[in-house]
């Protein structure tokens, strides 16, 4: 059996559906804007699933991972990746206040969605 790393593979799987919705939410964050792991999870319809956002970002290549931060604009990736993340954000014009992104200036606000958890 051939496996695919595509989000579209096995669309019936609840985990795959969650991953697809998280990927879609991450891709909505425009250049020069950022969001938190928790906000991405809520936008995907899975409030409280911030850890899964991190897992999805590790699994799927080509996502603008650098636009997803910890609460309050804190970079949460390992130190080597943190340097790259900060450089990518600077290249997009994102301003920092010390070690955190200036969230009032750069936070992307997702449209309200209903939770998928019922």
N, C-alpha and C. Protein backbone atom coordinates (compact mmCIF):
# COMPACT_ATOMS: atom_id res chain seq x y z
N UNK A 1 0.84 -1.17 0.00
CA UNK A 1 0.00 0.00 0.00
C UNK A 1 0.89 1.24 0.00
N UNK A 2 0.64 2.14 -0.90
CA UNK A 2 1.43 3.36 -1.03
C UNK A 2 0.86 4.44 -0.11
N UNK A 3 1.73 5.07 0.69
CA UNK A 3 1.32 6.14 1.59
C UNK A 3 1.60 7.49 0.95
N UNK A 4 0.75 8.43 1.25
CA UNK A 4 0.92 9.78 0.75
C UNK A 4 1.01 10.74 1.93
N UNK A 5 1.90 11.71 1.82
CA UNK A 5 1.99 12.72 2.88
C UNK A 5 1.03 13.87 2.62
N UNK A 6 0.23 13.74 1.58
CA UNK A 6 -0.71 14.78 1.22
C UNK A 6 -1.83 14.90 2.25
N UNK A 7 -2.25 16.11 2.50
CA UNK A 7 -3.35 16.35 3.42
C UNK A 7 -4.63 15.75 2.88
N UNK A 8 -4.77 15.67 1.56
CA UNK A 8 -5.99 15.18 0.95
C UNK A 8 -6.14 13.67 1.05
N UNK A 9 -5.06 12.96 1.34
CA UNK A 9 -5.12 11.50 1.42
C UNK A 9 -6.03 11.07 2.55
N UNK A 10 -6.83 10.05 2.32
CA UNK A 10 -7.71 9.48 3.34
C UNK A 10 -8.58 10.56 3.97
N UNK A 11 -9.37 11.23 3.13
CA UNK A 11 -10.19 12.35 3.58
C UNK A 11 -11.21 11.93 4.64
N UNK A 12 -11.49 10.65 4.78
CA UNK A 12 -12.46 10.19 5.77
C UNK A 12 -11.90 10.19 7.18
N UNK A 13 -10.60 10.17 7.32
CA UNK A 13 -9.98 10.12 8.64
C UNK A 13 -10.19 11.43 9.39
N UNK A 14 -10.72 11.37 10.63
CA UNK A 14 -10.89 12.61 11.40
C UNK A 14 -9.58 13.36 11.62
N UNK A 15 -8.49 12.63 11.85
CA UNK A 15 -7.19 13.29 12.04
C UNK A 15 -6.76 14.02 10.78
N UNK A 16 -6.97 13.39 9.64
CA UNK A 16 -6.60 14.02 8.37
C UNK A 16 -7.47 15.24 8.12
N UNK A 17 -8.74 15.17 8.46
CA UNK A 17 -9.61 16.33 8.30
C UNK A 17 -9.15 17.48 9.19
N UNK A 18 -8.75 17.14 10.42
CA UNK A 18 -8.24 18.17 11.32
C UNK A 18 -6.98 18.79 10.74
N UNK A 19 -6.07 17.96 10.27
CA UNK A 19 -4.82 18.46 9.69
C UNK A 19 -5.11 19.37 8.51
N UNK A 20 -6.04 18.97 7.65
CA UNK A 20 -6.37 19.78 6.47
C UNK A 20 -6.91 21.15 6.89
N UNK A 21 -7.74 21.17 7.91
CA UNK A 21 -8.30 22.45 8.38
C UNK A 21 -7.23 23.32 9.02
N UNK A 22 -6.29 22.71 9.73
CA UNK A 22 -5.19 23.47 10.33
C UNK A 22 -4.29 24.04 9.24
N UNK A 23 -3.97 23.23 8.22
CA UNK A 23 -3.15 23.70 7.10
C UNK A 23 -3.84 24.88 6.42
N UNK A 24 -5.14 24.78 6.19
CA UNK A 24 -5.90 25.87 5.55
C UNK A 24 -5.82 27.14 6.39
N UNK A 25 -5.95 27.00 7.71
CA UNK A 25 -5.89 28.17 8.59
C UNK A 25 -4.50 28.82 8.54
N UNK A 26 -3.46 28.01 8.60
CA UNK A 26 -2.10 28.55 8.56
C UNK A 26 -1.86 29.30 7.25
N UNK A 27 -2.34 28.75 6.16
CA UNK A 27 -2.14 29.40 4.85
C UNK A 27 -2.91 30.70 4.70
N UNK A 28 -3.90 30.94 5.57
CA UNK A 28 -4.66 32.20 5.51
C UNK A 28 -3.87 33.38 6.09
N UNK A 29 -2.86 33.10 6.89
CA UNK A 29 -2.12 34.19 7.54
C UNK A 29 -1.29 34.91 6.47
N UNK A 30 -1.59 36.18 6.22
CA UNK A 30 -0.88 36.88 5.15
C UNK A 30 0.53 37.32 5.55
N UNK A 31 1.29 37.63 4.54
CA UNK A 31 2.65 38.15 4.72
C UNK A 31 2.60 39.38 5.63
N UNK A 32 3.52 39.45 6.59
CA UNK A 32 3.57 40.59 7.50
C UNK A 32 2.65 40.47 8.69
N UNK A 33 1.93 39.37 8.79
CA UNK A 33 1.02 39.13 9.92
C UNK A 33 1.42 37.82 10.60
N UNK A 34 1.01 37.65 11.84
CA UNK A 34 1.31 36.45 12.61
C UNK A 34 0.07 36.02 13.37
N UNK A 35 0.12 34.79 13.88
CA UNK A 35 -0.95 34.29 14.73
C UNK A 35 -0.35 33.34 15.74
N UNK A 36 -1.13 32.97 16.73
CA UNK A 36 -0.66 32.03 17.75
C UNK A 36 -1.13 30.62 17.41
N UNK A 37 -0.48 29.64 18.04
CA UNK A 37 -0.89 28.25 17.86
C UNK A 37 -2.36 28.08 18.25
N UNK A 38 -2.75 28.68 19.36
CA UNK A 38 -4.12 28.57 19.83
C UNK A 38 -5.13 29.21 18.88
N UNK A 39 -4.79 30.37 18.33
CA UNK A 39 -5.70 31.05 17.40
C UNK A 39 -5.86 30.25 16.12
N UNK A 40 -4.77 29.62 15.66
CA UNK A 40 -4.86 28.77 14.46
C UNK A 40 -5.78 27.59 14.74
N UNK A 41 -5.62 26.97 15.91
CA UNK A 41 -6.48 25.84 16.27
C UNK A 41 -7.95 26.26 16.32
N UNK A 42 -8.23 27.41 16.92
CA UNK A 42 -9.62 27.91 16.97
C UNK A 42 -10.14 28.20 15.58
N UNK A 43 -9.32 28.80 14.73
CA UNK A 43 -9.74 29.12 13.36
C UNK A 43 -10.04 27.86 12.56
N UNK A 44 -9.35 26.78 12.88
CA UNK A 44 -9.58 25.50 12.19
C UNK A 44 -10.81 24.79 12.73
N UNK A 45 -11.36 25.31 13.84
CA UNK A 45 -12.54 24.69 14.43
C UNK A 45 -12.22 23.72 15.55
N UNK A 46 -10.99 23.77 16.06
CA UNK A 46 -10.54 22.86 17.11
C UNK A 46 -9.93 23.62 18.28
N UNK A 47 -10.75 24.38 19.02
CA UNK A 47 -10.19 25.11 20.16
C UNK A 47 -9.57 24.16 21.16
N UNK A 48 -8.46 24.57 21.73
CA UNK A 48 -7.77 23.73 22.70
C UNK A 48 -6.79 22.74 22.09
N UNK A 49 -6.61 22.77 20.79
CA UNK A 49 -5.74 21.82 20.11
C UNK A 49 -4.48 22.50 19.57
N UNK A 50 -3.92 23.44 20.32
CA UNK A 50 -2.73 24.18 19.89
C UNK A 50 -1.55 23.26 19.62
N UNK A 51 -1.39 22.21 20.40
CA UNK A 51 -0.26 21.29 20.19
C UNK A 51 -0.33 20.60 18.83
N UNK A 52 -1.54 20.32 18.39
CA UNK A 52 -1.68 19.68 17.07
C UNK A 52 -1.25 20.62 15.95
N UNK A 53 -1.39 21.92 16.16
CA UNK A 53 -0.92 22.88 15.16
C UNK A 53 0.59 22.72 14.98
N UNK A 54 1.31 22.60 16.07
CA UNK A 54 2.76 22.38 16.00
C UNK A 54 3.09 21.08 15.29
N UNK A 55 2.34 20.02 15.56
CA UNK A 55 2.58 18.73 14.91
C UNK A 55 2.33 18.82 13.40
N UNK A 56 1.28 19.52 13.02
CA UNK A 56 0.98 19.68 11.59
C UNK A 56 2.10 20.46 10.90
N UNK A 57 2.61 21.50 11.56
CA UNK A 57 3.67 22.30 10.94
C UNK A 57 4.93 21.47 10.75
N UNK A 58 5.20 20.52 11.64
CA UNK A 58 6.36 19.64 11.47
C UNK A 58 6.16 18.66 10.33
N UNK A 59 4.92 18.28 10.11
CA UNK A 59 4.62 17.20 9.15
C UNK A 59 4.51 17.65 7.70
N UNK A 60 3.97 18.85 7.49
CA UNK A 60 3.69 19.30 6.12
C UNK A 60 4.65 20.40 5.68
N UNK A 61 5.37 20.14 4.63
CA UNK A 61 6.32 21.11 4.08
C UNK A 61 5.57 22.22 3.32
N UNK A 62 6.22 23.35 3.21
CA UNK A 62 5.67 24.43 2.39
C UNK A 62 4.72 25.36 3.12
N UNK A 63 4.53 25.17 4.41
CA UNK A 63 3.65 26.06 5.16
C UNK A 63 4.43 27.28 5.64
N UNK A 64 3.76 28.41 5.77
CA UNK A 64 4.45 29.59 6.32
C UNK A 64 4.53 29.48 7.85
N UNK A 65 5.29 28.50 8.30
CA UNK A 65 5.42 28.16 9.72
C UNK A 65 5.92 29.32 10.56
N UNK A 66 6.70 30.18 9.95
CA UNK A 66 7.30 31.28 10.70
C UNK A 66 6.27 32.30 11.17
N UNK A 67 5.07 32.25 10.63
CA UNK A 67 4.01 33.19 11.01
C UNK A 67 3.20 32.71 12.21
N UNK A 68 3.52 31.55 12.74
CA UNK A 68 2.79 30.99 13.88
C UNK A 68 3.69 31.04 15.12
N UNK A 69 3.18 31.68 16.17
CA UNK A 69 3.96 31.95 17.38
C UNK A 69 3.22 31.45 18.62
N UNK A 70 3.93 31.47 19.73
CA UNK A 70 3.30 31.19 21.00
C UNK A 70 2.45 32.37 21.44
N UNK A 71 1.69 32.17 22.49
CA UNK A 71 0.84 33.23 23.02
C UNK A 71 1.67 34.46 23.34
N UNK A 72 1.11 35.61 23.04
CA UNK A 72 1.81 36.86 23.32
C UNK A 72 2.92 37.19 22.35
N UNK A 73 3.04 36.43 21.26
CA UNK A 73 4.04 36.74 20.23
C UNK A 73 5.40 36.13 20.48
N UNK A 74 5.46 35.14 21.34
CA UNK A 74 6.74 34.52 21.68
C UNK A 74 7.13 33.42 20.69
N UNK A 75 8.37 33.44 20.26
CA UNK A 75 8.90 32.39 19.40
C UNK A 75 9.10 31.14 20.25
N UNK A 76 8.52 30.01 19.81
CA UNK A 76 8.54 28.79 20.61
C UNK A 76 9.31 27.64 19.98
N UNK A 77 9.95 27.86 18.85
CA UNK A 77 10.70 26.79 18.18
C UNK A 77 12.10 26.69 18.76
N UNK A 78 12.82 25.59 18.49
CA UNK A 78 14.20 25.45 18.99
C UNK A 78 15.09 26.62 18.54
N UNK A 79 16.17 26.89 19.29
CA UNK A 79 17.01 28.08 19.03
C UNK A 79 17.47 28.27 17.58
N UNK A 80 17.94 27.21 16.93
CA UNK A 80 18.39 27.37 15.54
C UNK A 80 17.25 27.80 14.62
N UNK A 81 16.08 27.21 14.82
CA UNK A 81 14.91 27.57 14.03
C UNK A 81 14.39 28.96 14.43
N UNK A 82 14.58 29.32 15.69
CA UNK A 82 14.12 30.62 16.18
C UNK A 82 14.84 31.76 15.45
N UNK A 83 16.12 31.57 15.20
CA UNK A 83 16.88 32.59 14.46
C UNK A 83 16.31 32.75 13.06
N UNK A 84 16.05 31.62 12.39
CA UNK A 84 15.47 31.67 11.04
C UNK A 84 14.08 32.29 11.08
N UNK A 85 13.27 31.93 12.07
CA UNK A 85 11.92 32.46 12.17
C UNK A 85 11.96 33.98 12.34
N UNK A 86 12.81 34.46 13.21
CA UNK A 86 12.92 35.90 13.43
C UNK A 86 13.38 36.61 12.15
N UNK A 87 14.35 36.04 11.45
CA UNK A 87 14.83 36.65 10.20
C UNK A 87 13.73 36.69 9.15
N UNK A 88 12.98 35.60 9.03
CA UNK A 88 11.87 35.57 8.05
C UNK A 88 10.82 36.62 8.38
N UNK A 89 10.49 36.73 9.65
CA UNK A 89 9.50 37.73 10.05
C UNK A 89 10.01 39.15 9.82
N UNK A 90 11.27 39.40 10.14
CA UNK A 90 11.86 40.72 9.85
C UNK A 90 11.77 41.02 8.36
N UNK A 91 12.05 40.03 7.53
CA UNK A 91 12.00 40.22 6.07
C UNK A 91 10.59 40.58 5.60
N UNK A 92 9.58 40.19 6.35
CA UNK A 92 8.19 40.51 6.01
C UNK A 92 7.73 41.81 6.68
N UNK A 93 8.64 42.47 7.39
CA UNK A 93 8.30 43.75 8.02
C UNK A 93 7.67 43.64 9.39
N UNK A 94 7.75 42.48 10.01
CA UNK A 94 7.16 42.28 11.34
C UNK A 94 8.09 42.87 12.39
N UNK A 95 7.54 43.71 13.26
CA UNK A 95 8.31 44.39 14.30
C UNK A 95 8.28 43.58 15.60
N UNK A 96 9.38 43.65 16.31
CA UNK A 96 9.51 42.97 17.60
C UNK A 96 9.61 44.00 18.71
N UNK A 97 9.17 43.59 19.89
CA UNK A 97 9.36 44.34 21.13
C UNK A 97 10.18 43.43 22.02
N UNK A 98 11.47 43.60 21.99
CA UNK A 98 12.36 42.69 22.70
C UNK A 98 12.39 41.35 21.98
N UNK A 99 12.01 40.29 22.70
CA UNK A 99 12.03 38.95 22.12
C UNK A 99 10.67 38.51 21.57
N UNK A 100 9.68 39.40 21.63
CA UNK A 100 8.32 39.05 21.19
C UNK A 100 7.89 39.94 20.02
N UNK A 101 7.02 39.38 19.20
CA UNK A 101 6.44 40.15 18.10
C UNK A 101 5.47 41.17 18.69
N UNK A 102 5.42 42.33 18.10
CA UNK A 102 4.47 43.37 18.49
C UNK A 102 3.09 42.92 18.00
N UNK A 103 2.40 42.14 18.84
CA UNK A 103 1.13 41.54 18.44
C UNK A 103 0.03 42.56 18.12
N UNK A 104 -0.10 43.65 18.88
CA UNK A 104 -1.15 44.61 18.51
C UNK A 104 -0.99 45.13 17.08
N UNK A 105 0.23 45.17 16.62
CA UNK A 105 0.50 45.69 15.28
C UNK A 105 0.41 44.62 14.19
N UNK A 106 0.76 43.39 14.50
CA UNK A 106 0.91 42.37 13.46
C UNK A 106 0.01 41.14 13.58
N UNK A 107 -0.83 41.06 14.61
CA UNK A 107 -1.65 39.86 14.78
C UNK A 107 -2.75 39.78 13.72
N UNK A 108 -2.84 38.63 13.08
CA UNK A 108 -3.89 38.36 12.10
C UNK A 108 -5.13 37.87 12.84
N UNK A 109 -6.26 38.47 12.57
CA UNK A 109 -7.52 38.08 13.19
C UNK A 109 -8.31 37.21 12.21
N UNK A 110 -8.48 35.96 12.56
CA UNK A 110 -9.26 35.03 11.74
C UNK A 110 -10.75 35.36 11.87
N UNK A 111 -11.53 35.06 10.81
CA UNK A 111 -12.98 35.18 10.96
C UNK A 111 -13.47 34.15 11.98
N UNK A 112 -14.56 34.43 12.65
CA UNK A 112 -15.12 33.51 13.65
C UNK A 112 -15.62 32.24 12.96
N UNK A 113 -15.33 31.08 13.59
CA UNK A 113 -15.82 29.79 13.09
C UNK A 113 -16.44 29.01 14.25
N UNK A 114 -17.28 28.07 13.89
CA UNK A 114 -17.87 27.20 14.90
C UNK A 114 -16.94 26.02 15.14
N UNK A 115 -16.91 25.57 16.35
CA UNK A 115 -16.07 24.44 16.73
C UNK A 115 -16.52 23.18 16.03
N UNK A 116 -15.55 22.34 15.64
CA UNK A 116 -15.81 21.04 15.03
C UNK A 116 -15.96 19.96 16.09
N UNK A 117 -15.73 20.32 17.33
CA UNK A 117 -15.78 19.33 18.41
C UNK A 117 -17.15 19.34 19.05
N UNK A 118 -17.92 18.35 18.82
CA UNK A 118 -19.26 18.23 19.41
C UNK A 118 -19.54 16.79 19.66
